[in-house]
Amino acid sequence: MFAIVGILFILASCDDDTATLGVDMMPTADLITKNYETYGITTESYPVGDSVLARTSMSYFGRFTDPETGTTIKSDFLAQFHCDENFSLPDSIQNDSCLSFELKLYINNFVGDSLTSFKLSVYELNKQLDPNADYYTNINPEDYYDVNAEPIATKWFTLSDRTITDSARWSSSYNNNIRVTLPNELGTQIIRDYRKHPEHFTNTSAWLNSGNPCSKGLYFKLDSGDGAMAYIYVTQLNMYFNYYDEDYAKDTLGLCEFAATEEVVEATRFENSNLEKLLTDTNCTYLKSPAGIFTLATIPADQINVQDTINSAKLTFTRYNDSVESGFKLDIPKTILLVRLDDYLNGFFENYLVSDSKESYITTFSSSTNSYEFSNVARLITKMVQEKNNGTATENWNKVLLIPVEATYSNSKDASGSTVGQIVKLNHDFSMSSAKLVGGNNQRVNMEVIYSRFSQ
């Protein structure tokens, strides 16, 4: 009787999801803890091909050459505009005419030289972007606008606006932006269409299908310039007009705003150049965002003895220090995701998945160790070996990707009332970042595994 109970207990302790649990509960006489063993992990740079899911509320504009690697990235974008459901215009707009029509691209951050000159051209889209579709960073703008049409506006600018005073630029009330003037007659068409067809403005869907100027969206094309990349957090269409304010009994300047928000599509297009020399460098691997290079790791899971309990399996990816001094060097990717290659290819991001600490994990860069550490991927290793043993393993059964990501956390509370940050969303990292990692053909990455074994 006691022998049967003991066998059942041992089997229960080896359940898939509890492979690393329960060891401390056993009497010490029943356990033998092995010294850890080290396994070599092979790694290589994995080309993204400019194509990752462009699910982000930020847009990017510019061209920048990385002084460390010599690679260049170019970016421009397409954007639709949201129409509020309670949209209305005053009845007393003077001549039903637009006084001023403009775009403002608000800059949250940038990389590079703020005094670099860029030329921007703005085109109306002639094909609507589907708000329910997934768009990728290799989107072809020519599918959505007439390449033979004239732009509705052009603008030469620098990211640091030199048309305002230094005191205004550094004041707390100033929000850095690129201002583009549009033809007033386009705004007048919108006002007069509102008079005839207010149903065109009942919601965003009606607005997108109204046929009004800018209603299908705009393409912000980079014509020239190299040396900086702007992170644009709001793209806004502003329409000004004069109207008579009955409450104050006077003529007043009115403003109507249409903004690119998460309810509509913002699709950024990235083009990377000169990545080949990084991809063919077999002495290391790279992480490069946005839409650049991931690192692919092959884990020798079939060499690991899963008959014993795996207490922990630690993976550490060490970064090489930069070799070039520059005031414009890129940041290091802050957060990376370790995910099985098949899970990534089968729609990890498209399906809104987050790391589960079983088959996918996230970690952050440690400046003290100059590395990314995954402290325990034991459950993943156990899963891989089980698949190999039961015949369900795929061609990529033991391959994982390291991907720079941006994680969004909740502010939920635990039982004690303390704030607990749980991951609620993972997206590709679209900031300009780069890291050169130890690995490749000449230097292996080590995985340290610690076992526990039940005594006979």
Protein backbone atom coordinates (compact mmCIF):
# COMPACT_ATOMS: atom_id res chain seq x y z
CA MET A 1 0.00 0.00 0.00
CA PHE A 2 2.71 2.47 0.99
CA ALA A 3 4.78 1.58 -2.07
CA ILE A 4 1.85 2.37 -4.38
CA VAL A 5 1.27 5.74 -2.73
CA GLY A 6 4.94 6.55 -3.06
CA ILE A 7 4.95 5.76 -6.77
CA LEU A 8 1.89 7.92 -7.37
CA PHE A 9 3.51 10.77 -5.52
CA ILE A 10 6.64 10.58 -7.62
CA LEU A 11 4.66 10.51 -10.84
CA ALA A 12 2.59 13.51 -9.79
CA SER A 13 5.72 15.48 -9.03
CA CYS A 14 6.90 15.01 -12.62
CA ASP A 15 3.82 16.62 -14.23
CA ASP A 16 4.65 18.76 -17.30
CA ASP A 17 3.69 22.06 -15.68
CA THR A 18 5.37 21.30 -12.35
CA ALA A 19 8.68 19.89 -13.52
CA THR A 20 10.59 22.30 -11.30
CA LEU A 21 8.25 22.26 -8.31
CA GLY A 22 7.95 20.09 -5.24
CA VAL A 23 11.62 19.31 -4.86
CA ASP A 24 12.01 21.28 -1.61
CA MET A 25 9.09 19.37 -0.08
CA MET A 26 10.90 16.01 -0.29
CA PRO A 27 13.00 14.75 2.62
CA THR A 28 16.68 15.38 1.95
CA ALA A 29 17.41 11.68 2.23
CA ASP A 30 15.22 11.07 -0.80
CA LEU A 31 17.12 13.47 -3.09
CA ILE A 32 20.50 13.73 -4.73
CA THR A 33 21.16 17.18 -6.24
CA LYS A 34 23.60 17.04 -9.10
CA ASN A 35 26.14 19.66 -9.98
CA TYR A 36 25.00 21.73 -12.91
CA GLU A 37 25.90 20.77 -16.45
CA THR A 38 26.70 23.18 -19.25
CA TYR A 39 25.43 22.79 -22.82
CA GLY A 40 26.51 24.73 -25.88
CA ILE A 41 23.83 26.71 -27.74
CA THR A 42 24.40 27.55 -31.40
CA THR A 43 23.23 30.95 -32.58
CA GLU A 44 22.97 32.86 -35.83
CA SER A 45 21.57 36.16 -37.05
CA TYR A 46 18.03 35.83 -38.39
CA PRO A 47 16.94 38.22 -41.19
CA VAL A 48 13.52 39.80 -40.80
CA GLY A 49 13.31 41.07 -44.38
CA ASP A 50 11.80 44.46 -43.42
CA SER A 51 8.53 42.66 -42.66
CA VAL A 52 7.16 42.61 -39.11
CA LEU A 53 3.67 43.38 -37.92
CA ALA A 54 3.29 47.18 -37.82
CA ARG A 55 1.00 47.28 -34.81
CA THR A 56 2.04 50.49 -33.10
CA SER A 57 0.51 53.84 -32.19
CA MET A 58 3.76 55.59 -33.15
CA SER A 59 4.79 56.60 -36.67
CA TYR A 60 8.37 57.01 -37.85
CA PHE A 61 9.87 59.37 -40.40
CA GLY A 62 13.42 59.92 -41.61
CA ARG A 63 16.61 58.21 -42.68
CA PHE A 64 19.50 57.33 -40.38
CA THR A 65 22.84 55.55 -40.78
CA ASP A 66 24.09 53.65 -37.74
CA PRO A 67 27.69 54.78 -37.05
CA GLU A 68 28.49 51.44 -35.36
CA THR A 69 27.40 49.06 -38.13
CA GLY A 70 27.11 51.30 -41.21
CA THR A 71 23.56 50.09 -41.83
CA THR A 72 20.90 52.56 -42.97
CA ILE A 73 17.18 52.62 -42.24
CA LYS A 74 14.60 54.74 -44.04
CA SER A 75 11.03 55.24 -42.92
CA ASP A 76 7.85 57.02 -43.97
CA PHE A 77 4.21 56.24 -43.24
CA LEU A 78 0.51 56.22 -44.14
CA ALA A 79 -2.19 57.40 -41.75
CA GLN A 80 -5.95 57.66 -41.52
CA PHE A 81 -7.83 60.16 -39.35
CA HIS A 82 -10.47 59.62 -36.68
CA CYS A 83 -13.82 61.45 -36.66
CA ASP A 84 -15.56 61.88 -33.30
CA GLU A 85 -19.07 60.50 -33.04
CA ASN A 86 -20.33 63.83 -31.66
CA PHE A 87 -18.71 65.77 -34.51
CA SER A 88 -20.35 69.09 -35.31
CA LEU A 89 -19.51 72.44 -36.86
CA PRO A 90 -21.01 75.83 -35.93
CA ASP A 91 -23.89 77.04 -38.10
CA SER A 92 -22.36 80.48 -38.42
CA ILE A 93 -19.02 79.77 -40.13
CA GLN A 94 -18.14 82.83 -42.17
CA ASN A 95 -18.85 82.06 -45.86
CA ASP A 96 -18.66 78.35 -44.95
CA SER A 97 -14.99 78.69 -45.76
CA CYS A 98 -11.75 77.43 -44.23
CA LEU A 99 -9.42 80.12 -42.94
CA SER A 100 -6.40 77.82 -42.54
CA PHE A 101 -5.77 74.11 -43.09
CA GLU A 102 -2.69 72.35 -41.72
CA LEU A 103 -1.06 69.15 -40.57
CA LYS A 104 0.93 68.82 -37.35
CA LEU A 105 3.24 65.88 -36.74
CA TYR A 106 4.11 65.87 -33.04
CA ILE A 107 7.57 64.46 -32.27
CA ASN A 108 7.99 62.42 -29.11
CA ASN A 109 11.68 61.61 -29.61
CA PHE A 110 14.29 61.28 -32.31
CA VAL A 111 17.65 59.69 -33.10
CA GLY A 112 20.40 61.56 -34.91
CA ASP A 113 21.12 65.17 -35.79
CA SER A 114 18.18 67.52 -35.14
CA LEU A 115 19.59 70.03 -37.65
CA THR A 116 19.48 67.62 -40.60
CA SER A 117 17.23 68.92 -43.41
CA PHE A 118 14.45 66.70 -44.75
CA LYS A 119 11.91 67.11 -47.50
CA LEU A 120 8.41 65.74 -46.90
CA SER A 121 5.68 65.35 -49.52
CA VAL A 122 2.06 64.65 -48.61
CA TYR A 123 -0.23 62.66 -50.91
CA GLU A 124 -3.91 61.78 -50.61
CA LEU A 125 -4.68 58.07 -50.58
CA ASN A 126 -6.99 56.81 -53.31
CA LYS A 127 -7.55 53.43 -51.66
CA GLN A 128 -8.81 52.96 -48.14
CA LEU A 129 -6.75 51.08 -45.57
CA ASP A 130 -8.77 48.33 -43.90
CA PRO A 131 -8.97 49.01 -40.13
CA ASN A 132 -9.47 45.29 -39.48
CA ALA A 133 -6.44 44.13 -41.48
CA ASP A 134 -2.88 43.51 -40.31
CA TYR A 135 -0.26 45.69 -41.99
CA TYR A 136 3.46 44.99 -42.07
CA THR A 137 6.50 47.22 -42.24
CA ASN A 138 7.16 46.33 -45.88
CA ILE A 139 3.85 47.89 -46.98
CA ASN A 140 4.04 49.36 -50.49
CA PRO A 141 2.59 52.90 -50.45
CA GLU A 142 2.19 52.80 -54.23
CA ASP A 143 -0.74 50.43 -53.69
CA TYR A 144 -2.62 53.23 -51.95
CA TYR A 145 -1.85 56.47 -53.79
CA ASP A 146 -1.48 57.71 -57.37
CA VAL A 147 2.25 57.91 -58.08
CA ASN A 148 1.53 60.28 -60.97
CA ALA A 149 -0.45 62.74 -58.84
CA GLU A 150 1.02 65.95 -57.48
CA PRO A 151 1.45 66.13 -53.69
CA ILE A 152 -1.09 68.29 -51.88
CA ALA A 153 1.78 69.80 -49.88
CA THR A 154 5.56 69.70 -49.48
CA LYS A 155 7.73 70.79 -46.60
CA TRP A 156 11.44 71.26 -45.93
CA PHE A 157 12.16 71.01 -42.20
CA THR A 158 14.60 70.13 -39.44
CA LEU A 159 13.56 68.23 -36.32
CA SER A 160 14.62 71.19 -34.24
CA ASP A 161 12.37 74.00 -35.45
CA ARG A 162 14.67 76.92 -36.26
CA THR A 163 11.76 79.25 -37.09
CA ILE A 164 10.99 79.86 -33.40
CA THR A 165 13.09 81.43 -30.65
CA ASP A 166 15.20 79.36 -28.27
CA SER A 167 13.10 80.49 -25.30
CA ALA A 168 9.92 79.27 -27.02
CA ARG A 169 11.54 75.99 -28.07
CA TRP A 170 12.60 75.13 -24.53
CA SER A 171 9.45 76.33 -22.77
CA SER A 172 7.32 73.75 -20.95
CA SER A 173 4.29 74.56 -23.11
CA TYR A 174 6.01 73.81 -26.44
CA ASN A 175 5.44 70.45 -28.10
CA ASN A 176 7.94 69.81 -30.87
CA ASN A 177 6.16 69.30 -34.17
CA ILE A 178 6.45 69.45 -37.94
CA ARG A 179 3.85 71.87 -39.33
CA VAL A 180 2.71 71.39 -42.92
CA THR A 181 0.38 73.93 -44.57
CA LEU A 182 -2.38 72.46 -46.78
CA PRO A 183 -4.51 74.28 -49.39
CA ASN A 184 -7.42 76.12 -47.75
CA GLU A 185 -9.82 74.97 -50.46
CA LEU A 186 -9.53 71.41 -49.19
CA GLY A 187 -10.81 72.49 -45.79
CA THR A 188 -13.58 74.50 -47.44
CA GLN A 189 -14.72 71.37 -49.30
CA ILE A 190 -14.99 69.53 -45.97
CA ILE A 191 -17.06 72.31 -44.36
CA ARG A 192 -19.46 72.53 -47.30
CA ASP A 193 -19.85 68.76 -47.49
CA TYR A 194 -20.82 68.83 -43.79
CA ARG A 195 -23.60 71.27 -44.64
CA LYS A 196 -24.97 69.02 -47.39
CA HIS A 197 -24.21 65.60 -45.90
CA PRO A 198 -23.86 65.63 -42.09
CA GLU A 199 -24.22 61.83 -42.23
CA HIS A 200 -20.67 61.74 -43.64
CA PHE A 201 -19.46 62.80 -40.17
CA THR A 202 -21.50 60.58 -37.85
CA ASN A 203 -18.50 58.36 -37.05
CA THR A 204 -15.06 57.34 -38.32
CA SER A 205 -16.43 54.72 -40.71
CA ALA A 206 -18.74 57.28 -42.36
CA TRP A 207 -15.87 59.79 -42.58
CA LEU A 208 -13.48 57.28 -44.18
CA ASN A 209 -16.08 56.54 -46.87
CA SER A 210 -17.24 60.13 -47.38
CA GLY A 211 -14.96 60.98 -50.32
CA ASN A 212 -13.87 64.20 -48.61
CA PRO A 213 -10.30 65.52 -49.02
CA CYS A 214 -7.94 63.52 -46.78
CA SER A 215 -10.76 61.22 -45.65
CA LYS A 216 -9.17 58.03 -47.00
CA GLY A 217 -5.90 59.01 -45.37
CA LEU A 218 -2.54 60.49 -46.33
CA TYR A 219 0.89 59.21 -47.32
CA PHE A 220 3.81 61.08 -45.76
CA LYS A 221 6.64 60.45 -48.19
CA LEU A 222 10.31 61.05 -47.49
CA ASP A 223 11.81 62.75 -50.56
CA SER A 224 15.28 63.55 -49.29
CA GLY A 225 17.42 63.84 -46.20
CA ASP A 226 19.67 61.57 -44.13
CA GLY A 227 20.85 61.81 -40.55
CA ALA A 228 17.87 61.50 -38.19
CA MET A 229 14.74 59.51 -37.42
CA ALA A 230 11.68 61.11 -35.80
CA TYR A 231 9.27 59.24 -33.52
CA ILE A 232 5.85 60.78 -34.19
CA TYR A 233 3.25 60.13 -31.50
CA VAL A 234 0.37 62.19 -32.93
CA THR A 235 -0.49 63.16 -36.51
CA GLN A 236 -3.23 65.76 -36.52
CA LEU A 237 -5.29 67.51 -39.21
CA ASN A 238 -6.35 71.00 -38.10
CA MET A 239 -9.00 73.11 -39.83
CA TYR A 240 -9.47 76.75 -38.74
CA PHE A 241 -12.44 78.99 -39.53
CA ASN A 242 -14.14 82.17 -38.35
CA TYR A 243 -17.63 81.93 -36.87
CA TYR A 244 -20.00 84.07 -34.84
CA ASP A 245 -20.14 82.94 -31.20
CA GLU A 246 -23.62 83.73 -29.92
CA ASP A 247 -22.66 83.12 -26.29
CA TYR A 248 -20.08 85.91 -26.42
CA ALA A 249 -21.73 87.85 -29.24
CA LYS A 250 -18.54 88.19 -31.26
CA ASP A 251 -16.60 86.70 -34.15
CA THR A 252 -14.40 83.85 -32.96
CA LEU A 253 -11.66 81.66 -34.38
CA GLY A 254 -12.83 78.04 -34.48
CA LEU A 255 -10.78 74.84 -34.75
CA CYS A 256 -11.79 71.38 -35.96
CA GLU A 257 -9.36 68.50 -35.38
CA PHE A 258 -9.00 65.08 -37.00
CA ALA A 259 -6.27 62.94 -35.43
CA ALA A 260 -4.60 59.65 -36.31
CA THR A 261 -5.51 57.44 -33.35
CA GLU A 262 -5.56 53.73 -32.45
CA GLU A 263 -9.09 53.50 -33.88
CA VAL A 264 -7.71 53.97 -37.40
CA VAL A 265 -4.72 52.69 -39.34
CA GLU A 266 -1.20 54.06 -39.02
CA ALA A 267 1.15 52.00 -41.18
CA THR A 268 4.87 52.70 -41.11
CA ARG A 269 7.11 51.47 -43.93
CA PHE A 270 10.76 50.62 -43.10
CA GLU A 271 13.56 49.95 -45.56
CA ASN A 272 16.89 48.62 -44.26
CA SER A 273 20.12 48.81 -46.25
CA ASN A 274 23.54 47.16 -45.82
CA LEU A 275 22.32 44.42 -43.48
CA GLU A 276 24.09 41.73 -45.52
CA LYS A 277 27.47 42.28 -43.90
CA LEU A 278 25.91 41.76 -40.47
CA LEU A 279 24.00 38.65 -41.53
CA THR A 280 27.14 37.08 -43.00
CA ASP A 281 29.26 37.84 -39.92
CA THR A 282 29.53 34.38 -38.32
CA ASN A 283 31.65 35.57 -35.38
CA CYS A 284 28.64 36.98 -33.54
CA THR A 285 24.90 37.60 -33.89
CA TYR A 286 22.83 40.76 -33.91
CA LEU A 287 19.63 42.23 -32.57
CA LYS A 288 18.57 45.21 -34.65
CA SER A 289 15.27 47.06 -34.60
CA PRO A 290 13.02 48.12 -36.09
CA ALA A 291 12.31 45.32 -38.60
CA GLY A 292 15.97 44.40 -38.94
CA ILE A 293 17.62 41.34 -37.41
CA PHE A 294 16.68 38.82 -34.70
CA THR A 295 18.92 36.12 -33.20
CA LEU A 296 18.06 32.45 -33.78
CA ALA A 297 19.22 29.94 -31.16
CA THR A 298 19.25 26.15 -31.48
CA ILE A 299 18.97 24.36 -28.14
CA PRO A 300 20.42 20.82 -27.86
CA ALA A 301 17.42 19.66 -25.87
CA ASP A 302 17.87 16.04 -26.96
CA GLN A 303 21.17 15.96 -25.03
CA ILE A 304 19.46 16.86 -21.75
CA ASN A 305 18.32 14.13 -19.36
CA VAL A 306 14.70 14.90 -18.50
CA GLN A 307 14.33 11.64 -16.52
CA ASP A 308 15.76 13.71 -13.68
CA THR A 309 13.98 16.81 -12.45
CA ILE A 310 15.30 19.98 -14.08
CA ASN A 311 15.51 22.54 -11.30
CA SER A 312 16.64 25.32 -13.58
CA ALA A 313 18.00 26.02 -17.04
CA LYS A 314 19.64 29.42 -17.43
CA LEU A 315 20.44 31.08 -20.75
CA THR A 316 22.69 34.15 -20.92
CA PHE A 317 23.35 36.20 -24.05
CA THR A 318 26.26 38.58 -23.61
CA ARG A 319 26.62 41.81 -25.56
CA TYR A 320 29.81 43.15 -27.13
CA ASN A 321 30.59 46.76 -26.27
CA ASP A 322 30.42 49.33 -29.07
CA SER A 323 33.64 49.82 -30.98
CA VAL A 324 32.83 53.24 -32.47
CA GLU A 325 32.54 56.47 -30.50
CA SER A 326 29.68 58.66 -31.73
CA GLY A 327 27.25 61.17 -30.32
CA PHE A 328 24.50 59.56 -32.40
CA LYS A 329 24.91 55.88 -31.54
CA LEU A 330 21.81 53.73 -31.19
CA ASP A 331 20.31 52.53 -27.93
CA ILE A 332 20.56 48.91 -26.79
CA PRO A 333 17.28 46.94 -27.06
CA LYS A 334 15.77 47.18 -23.59
CA THR A 335 13.42 44.18 -23.58
CA ILE A 336 13.66 40.99 -25.60
CA LEU A 337 11.31 38.06 -26.09
CA LEU A 338 12.47 34.45 -26.31
CA VAL A 339 9.86 32.55 -28.32
CA ARG A 340 9.81 29.30 -30.26
CA LEU A 341 10.41 29.83 -33.97
CA ASP A 342 7.24 27.98 -34.97
CA ASP A 343 5.13 30.06 -32.57
CA TYR A 344 6.51 33.25 -34.12
CA LEU A 345 5.91 32.03 -37.68
CA ASN A 346 2.38 30.90 -36.76
CA GLY A 347 1.25 34.33 -35.61
CA PHE A 348 2.50 35.03 -32.09
CA PHE A 349 2.08 38.80 -32.52
CA GLU A 350 -0.90 38.60 -34.90
CA ASN A 351 -2.82 36.60 -32.27
CA TYR A 352 -2.05 39.10 -29.48
CA LEU A 353 -0.11 36.52 -27.45
CA VAL A 354 2.13 37.43 -24.51
CA SER A 355 4.94 35.53 -22.81
CA ASP A 356 3.69 32.66 -20.63
CA SER A 357 6.97 31.61 -18.92
CA LYS A 358 6.42 28.12 -20.36
CA GLU A 359 7.22 28.35 -24.05
CA SER A 360 7.98 32.07 -24.26
CA TYR A 361 9.85 34.40 -21.91
CA ILE A 362 10.89 38.04 -21.69
CA THR A 363 13.85 39.66 -20.02
CA THR A 364 15.46 43.09 -19.88
CA PHE A 365 19.02 44.15 -20.58
CA SER A 366 21.30 44.24 -17.54
CA SER A 367 23.88 47.01 -17.75
CA SER A 368 25.76 45.54 -14.77
CA THR A 369 26.43 42.24 -16.58
CA ASN A 370 26.16 43.64 -20.12
CA SER A 371 23.84 40.78 -21.00
CA TYR A 372 20.32 39.39 -21.36
CA GLU A 373 19.60 36.57 -18.91
CA PHE A 374 16.72 34.09 -18.97
CA SER A 375 16.99 32.65 -15.48
CA ASN A 376 14.91 29.50 -15.97
CA VAL A 377 13.60 28.01 -19.22
CA ALA A 378 13.25 24.50 -17.75
CA ARG A 379 9.62 24.10 -18.79
CA LEU A 380 10.51 24.92 -22.39
CA ILE A 381 13.32 22.34 -22.43
CA THR A 382 11.04 19.67 -20.96
CA LYS A 383 8.38 20.44 -23.57
CA MET A 384 10.89 20.19 -26.42
CA VAL A 385 12.17 16.78 -25.31
CA GLN A 386 8.67 15.42 -24.79
CA GLU A 387 7.75 16.42 -28.35
CA LYS A 388 10.88 14.74 -29.68
CA ASN A 389 10.18 11.56 -27.74
CA ASN A 390 6.48 11.25 -28.62
CA GLY A 391 6.94 11.99 -32.33
CA THR A 392 5.20 15.39 -32.46
CA ALA A 393 8.37 17.46 -33.00
CA THR A 394 8.46 19.73 -36.04
CA GLU A 395 11.50 20.65 -38.11
CA ASN A 396 12.01 23.69 -35.84
CA TRP A 397 11.28 21.84 -32.59
CA ASN A 398 14.38 23.11 -30.74
CA LYS A 399 14.77 26.58 -32.29
CA VAL A 400 13.93 29.86 -30.55
CA LEU A 401 14.11 33.50 -31.57
CA LEU A 402 15.30 36.50 -29.59
CA ILE A 403 13.15 39.48 -30.61
CA PRO A 404 13.31 43.10 -29.37
CA VAL A 405 9.85 43.95 -28.02
CA GLU A 406 7.87 46.66 -26.29
CA ALA A 407 5.88 45.35 -23.32
CA THR A 408 2.75 46.99 -21.89
CA TYR A 409 2.00 46.23 -18.24
CA SER A 410 -1.20 46.43 -16.22
CA ASN A 411 -1.40 48.10 -12.82
CA SER A 412 -3.41 45.37 -11.15
CA LYS A 413 -3.35 44.76 -7.38
CA ASP A 414 -2.46 41.58 -5.55
CA ALA A 415 -4.22 40.26 -2.40
CA SER A 416 -2.20 42.61 -0.19
CA GLY A 417 -3.12 45.63 -2.28
CA SER A 418 0.34 46.05 -3.79
CA THR A 419 0.65 47.01 -7.44
CA VAL A 420 1.55 44.07 -9.65
CA GLY A 421 2.64 44.68 -13.22
CA GLN A 422 1.37 41.95 -15.52
CA ILE A 423 2.11 41.95 -19.24
CA VAL A 424 -1.06 42.72 -21.17
CA LYS A 425 0.45 43.43 -24.60
CA LEU A 426 3.61 42.66 -26.55
CA ASN A 427 4.54 44.41 -29.77
CA HIS A 428 7.68 44.56 -31.84
CA ASP A 429 10.09 47.24 -30.67
CA PHE A 430 10.10 49.98 -33.32
CA SER A 431 12.67 52.20 -31.65
CA MET A 432 16.08 52.51 -33.24
CA SER A 433 18.27 50.03 -31.35
CA SER A 434 21.10 47.58 -31.94
CA ALA A 435 23.13 44.99 -30.04
CA LYS A 436 25.99 42.72 -31.09
CA LEU A 437 25.89 39.44 -29.16
CA VAL A 438 28.49 36.80 -28.33
CA GLY A 439 27.78 33.71 -30.43
CA GLY A 440 27.90 32.57 -34.03
CA ASN A 441 30.34 29.92 -35.19
CA ASN A 442 33.39 30.89 -33.16
CA GLN A 443 32.01 31.33 -29.66
CA ARG A 444 29.15 29.29 -28.28
CA VAL A 445 26.47 30.49 -25.88
CA ASN A 446 26.18 28.36 -22.75
CA MET A 447 23.08 27.03 -21.04
CA GLU A 448 23.50 25.98 -17.40
CA VAL A 449 21.18 23.21 -16.22
CA ILE A 450 20.79 22.03 -12.60
CA TYR A 451 19.15 18.64 -11.97
CA SER A 452 17.64 16.85 -8.98
CA ARG A 453 17.28 13.07 -8.83
CA PHE A 454 15.14 10.91 -6.54
CA SER A 455 17.19 8.27 -4.76
CA GLN A 456 16.54 4.59 -5.52
